């Protein structure tokens, strides 16, 4: 499928402001801005396997489109929600377990780049990945 492959973060837009809005302290934000994130995406019909590897951790996330699951961000924030496919875009809607507030996430291919967009309490950030 289109999302399949190995991706490495190339650049970020407004990521520090987004992390600040999420309540992440300055030390973790500075580390997060240089996490050297690599992701591998494998799609088999409605099942996605995503391996995330960064300076701080390596995890594997398996989810089915439209099926509720739980996930913990690198900073320890716990989320629950779903990913769905809307057209050619993966759309994630998650709620934080600590405060119930919504985090939206989008993954889409634009040209030869994978764009991940996050929105939390009106603050939008992007992480742009290149295929490796």
C-alpha atoms as a PDB file:
ATOM      1  CA  UNK A   1       0.000   0.000   0.000  1.00  0.00           C
ATOM      2  CA  UNK A   2       0.988   3.645  -0.360  1.00  0.00           C
ATOM      3  CA  UNK A   3       2.044   4.203   3.258  1.00  0.00           C
ATOM      4  CA  UNK A   4       4.224   1.082   3.316  1.00  0.00           C
ATOM      5  CA  UNK A   5       7.921   1.655   3.732  1.00  0.00           C
ATOM      6  CA  UNK A   6      10.658   3.084   5.890  1.00  0.00           C
ATOM      7  CA  UNK A   7      10.524   6.781   6.734  1.00  0.00           C
ATOM      8  CA  UNK A   8      12.923   9.125   8.552  1.00  0.00           C
ATOM      9  CA  UNK A   9      11.964  12.517   9.967  1.00  0.00           C
ATOM     10  CA  UNK A  10      13.400  15.287   7.781  1.00  0.00           C
ATOM     11  CA  UNK A  11      12.007  18.413   9.419  1.00  0.00           C
ATOM     12  CA  UNK A  12       9.304  19.702  11.732  1.00  0.00           C
ATOM     13  CA  UNK A  13       7.028  22.734  11.747  1.00  0.00           C
ATOM     14  CA  UNK A  14       5.723  24.273  14.999  1.00  0.00           C
ATOM     15  CA  UNK A  15       6.596  21.067  16.868  1.00  0.00           C
ATOM     16  CA  UNK A  16       8.006  22.802  19.961  1.00  0.00           C
ATOM     17  CA  UNK A  17       4.840  24.909  20.378  1.00  0.00           C
ATOM     18  CA  UNK A  18       2.709  21.769  19.989  1.00  0.00           C
ATOM     19  CA  UNK A  19       4.729  19.893  22.633  1.00  0.00           C
ATOM     20  CA  UNK A  20       4.455  22.911  24.952  1.00  0.00           C
ATOM     21  CA  UNK A  21       0.660  22.938  24.487  1.00  0.00           C
ATOM     22  CA  UNK A  22       0.654  19.216  25.344  1.00  0.00           C
ATOM     23  CA  UNK A  23       2.315  20.111  28.661  1.00  0.00           C
ATOM     24  CA  UNK A  24       5.726  18.630  27.878  1.00  0.00           C
ATOM     25  CA  UNK A  25       8.517  20.276  29.864  1.00  0.00           C
ATOM     26  CA  UNK A  26      11.317  22.190  28.149  1.00  0.00           C
ATOM     27  CA  UNK A  27      13.958  19.459  28.599  1.00  0.00           C
ATOM     28  CA  UNK A  28      11.766  16.799  26.980  1.00  0.00           C
ATOM     29  CA  UNK A  29      10.809  19.269  24.219  1.00  0.00           C
ATOM     30  CA  UNK A  30      14.457  19.922  23.398  1.00  0.00           C
ATOM     31  CA  UNK A  31      15.140  16.182  23.285  1.00  0.00           C
ATOM     32  CA  UNK A  32      11.968  15.533  21.271  1.00  0.00           C
ATOM     33  CA  UNK A  33      12.972  18.082  18.658  1.00  0.00           C
ATOM     34  CA  UNK A  34      16.084  15.974  17.931  1.00  0.00           C
ATOM     35  CA  UNK A  35      14.675  12.460  18.356  1.00  0.00           C
ATOM     36  CA  UNK A  36      15.901  11.201  14.950  1.00  0.00           C
ATOM     37  CA  UNK A  37      12.562   9.387  14.528  1.00  0.00           C
ATOM     38  CA  UNK A  38      12.329   6.578  12.005  1.00  0.00           C
ATOM     39  CA  UNK A  39       9.101   4.754  11.267  1.00  0.00           C
ATOM     40  CA  UNK A  40       8.293   1.627   9.318  1.00  0.00           C
ATOM     41  CA  UNK A  41       4.719   1.229   8.120  1.00  0.00           C
ATOM     42  CA  UNK A  42       3.214  -2.046   6.928  1.00  0.00           C
ATOM     43  CA  UNK A  43      -0.411  -2.246   5.854  1.00  0.00           C
ATOM     44  CA  UNK A  44      -2.336  -5.465   5.281  1.00  0.00           C
ATOM     45  CA  UNK A  45      -5.878  -4.462   4.304  1.00  0.00           C
ATOM     46  CA  UNK A  46      -7.280  -2.783   7.479  1.00  0.00           C
ATOM     47  CA  UNK A  47      -4.386  -3.812   9.742  1.00  0.00           C
ATOM     48  CA  UNK A  48      -1.428  -1.475  10.258  1.00  0.00           C
ATOM     49  CA  UNK A  49       1.867  -2.317  11.923  1.00  0.00           C
ATOM     50  CA  UNK A  50       3.998   0.715  12.720  1.00  0.00           C
ATOM     51  CA  UNK A  51       7.464   0.468  14.187  1.00  0.00           C
ATOM     52  CA  UNK A  52       8.811   3.677  15.708  1.00  0.00           C
ATOM     53  CA  UNK A  53      12.491   3.986  16.472  1.00  0.00           C
ATOM     54  CA  UNK A  54      14.002   7.111  18.004  1.00  0.00           C
ATOM     55  CA  UNK A  55      16.875   8.184  20.183  1.00  0.00           C
ATOM     56  CA  UNK A  56      14.647   7.397  23.195  1.00  0.00           C
ATOM     57  CA  UNK A  57      12.665   4.279  22.437  1.00  0.00           C
ATOM     58  CA  UNK A  58      11.687   1.634  19.950  1.00  0.00           C
ATOM     59  CA  UNK A  59       8.094   0.400  19.922  1.00  0.00           C
ATOM     60  CA  UNK A  60       5.695  -1.460  17.675  1.00  0.00           C
ATOM     61  CA  UNK A  61       2.081  -0.388  17.335  1.00  0.00           C
ATOM     62  CA  UNK A  62      -0.507  -2.638  15.739  1.00  0.00           C
ATOM     63  CA  UNK A  63      -4.006  -1.370  15.046  1.00  0.00           C
ATOM     64  CA  UNK A  64      -7.024  -2.045  12.876  1.00  0.00           C
ATOM     65  CA  UNK A  65      -8.771   0.823  11.138  1.00  0.00           C
ATOM     66  CA  UNK A  66     -11.813   1.926  13.128  1.00  0.00           C
ATOM     67  CA  UNK A  67     -10.945  -0.231  16.165  1.00  0.00           C
ATOM     68  CA  UNK A  68     -10.331   1.542  19.470  1.00  0.00           C
ATOM     69  CA  UNK A  69      -6.855   1.012  20.991  1.00  0.00           C
ATOM     70  CA  UNK A  70      -4.523   2.524  23.571  1.00  0.00           C
ATOM     71  CA  UNK A  71      -1.139   4.141  22.946  1.00  0.00           C
ATOM     72  CA  UNK A  72       1.515   5.908  25.017  1.00  0.00           C
ATOM     73  CA  UNK A  73       3.489   8.823  23.575  1.00  0.00           C
ATOM     74  CA  UNK A  74       7.265   9.040  24.068  1.00  0.00           C
ATOM     75  CA  UNK A  75       6.765  11.537  26.928  1.00  0.00           C
ATOM     76  CA  UNK A  76       4.476   9.101  28.782  1.00  0.00           C
ATOM     77  CA  UNK A  77       1.135  10.678  27.819  1.00  0.00           C
ATOM     78  CA  UNK A  78      -1.468   7.921  27.555  1.00  0.00           C
ATOM     79  CA  UNK A  79      -4.056   8.077  24.773  1.00  0.00           C
ATOM     80  CA  UNK A  80      -6.997   6.035  23.572  1.00  0.00           C
ATOM     81  CA  UNK A  81      -8.708   6.314  20.221  1.00  0.00           C
ATOM     82  CA  UNK A  82      -8.870   5.145  16.621  1.00  0.00           C
ATOM     83  CA  UNK A  83      -7.268   5.560  13.216  1.00  0.00           C
ATOM     84  CA  UNK A  84      -9.474   5.639  10.117  1.00  0.00           C
ATOM     85  CA  UNK A  85      -8.768   5.994   6.421  1.00  0.00           C
ATOM     86  CA  UNK A  86     -10.509   8.993   4.859  1.00  0.00           C
ATOM     87  CA  UNK A  87      -9.690   9.085   1.163  1.00  0.00           C
ATOM     88  CA  UNK A  88      -5.899   8.788   1.006  1.00  0.00           C
ATOM     89  CA  UNK A  89      -5.350  10.188   4.519  1.00  0.00           C
ATOM     90  CA  UNK A  90      -5.029   8.341   7.824  1.00  0.00           C
ATOM     91  CA  UNK A  91      -7.051  10.237  10.432  1.00  0.00           C
ATOM     92  CA  UNK A  92      -6.502   9.586  14.123  1.00  0.00           C
ATOM     93  CA  UNK A  93      -8.751  10.825  16.904  1.00  0.00           C
ATOM     94  CA  UNK A  94      -7.454  10.241  20.400  1.00  0.00           C
ATOM     95  CA  UNK A  95      -8.350  11.341  23.905  1.00  0.00           C
ATOM     96  CA  UNK A  96      -5.790  11.868  26.621  1.00  0.00           C
ATOM     97  CA  UNK A  97      -6.409   9.632  29.622  1.00  0.00           C
ATOM     98  CA  UNK A  98      -5.218  12.284  32.100  1.00  0.00           C
ATOM     99  CA  UNK A  99      -7.525  15.125  31.040  1.00  0.00           C
ATOM    100  CA  UNK A 100      -9.887  13.770  28.350  1.00  0.00           C
ATOM    101  CA  UNK A 101      -8.808  16.384  25.791  1.00  0.00           C
ATOM    102  CA  UNK A 102      -8.682  15.442  22.121  1.00  0.00           C
ATOM    103  CA  UNK A 103      -5.540  14.997  20.056  1.00  0.00           C
ATOM    104  CA  UNK A 104      -6.019  14.702  16.306  1.00  0.00           C
ATOM    105  CA  UNK A 105      -3.368  13.175  14.070  1.00  0.00           C
ATOM    106  CA  UNK A 106      -3.177  12.870  10.298  1.00  0.00           C
ATOM    107  CA  UNK A 107      -0.811  10.981   8.016  1.00  0.00           C
ATOM    108  CA  UNK A 108      -0.794  11.642   4.305  1.00  0.00           C
ATOM    109  CA  UNK A 109       1.514  11.281   1.350  1.00  0.00           C
ATOM    110  CA  UNK A 110       2.361  14.515  -0.446  1.00  0.00           C
ATOM    111  CA  UNK A 111       4.711  13.939  -3.346  1.00  0.00           C
ATOM    112  CA  UNK A 112       7.547  11.782  -2.011  1.00  0.00           C
ATOM    113  CA  UNK A 113       7.010  12.839   1.613  1.00  0.00           C
ATOM    114  CA  UNK A 114       4.936  11.475   4.469  1.00  0.00           C
ATOM    115  CA  UNK A 115       3.367  14.373   6.363  1.00  0.00           C
ATOM    116  CA  UNK A 116       2.235  13.801   9.952  1.00  0.00           C
ATOM    117  CA  UNK A 117       0.052  16.587  11.301  1.00  0.00           C
ATOM    118  CA  UNK A 118      -0.964  16.905  14.947  1.00  0.00           C
ATOM    119  CA  UNK A 119      -3.597  19.233  16.411  1.00  0.00           C
ATOM    120  CA  UNK A 120      -4.076  19.751  20.143  1.00  0.00           C
ATOM    121  CA  UNK A 121      -6.109  22.594  21.648  1.00  0.00           C
ATOM    122  CA  UNK A 122      -5.792  24.732  18.507  1.00  0.00           C
ATOM    123  CA  UNK A 123      -2.037  24.242  18.049  1.00  0.00           C
ATOM    124  CA  UNK A 124      -1.028  22.474  14.843  1.00  0.00           C
ATOM    125  CA  UNK A 125       2.367  20.926  14.135  1.00  0.00           C
ATOM    126  CA  UNK A 126       3.799  18.920  11.263  1.00  0.00           C
ATOM    127  CA  UNK A 127       6.567  16.363  11.014  1.00  0.00           C
ATOM    128  CA  UNK A 128       7.738  15.692   7.490  1.00  0.00           C
ATOM    129  CA  UNK A 129       9.344  12.341   6.668  1.00  0.00           C
ATOM    130  CA  UNK A 130      11.406  11.190   3.685  1.00  0.00           C
ATOM    131  CA  UNK A 131      11.495   7.616   2.422  1.00  0.00           C
ATOM    132  CA  UNK A 132      14.733   5.759   3.239  1.00  0.00           C
END
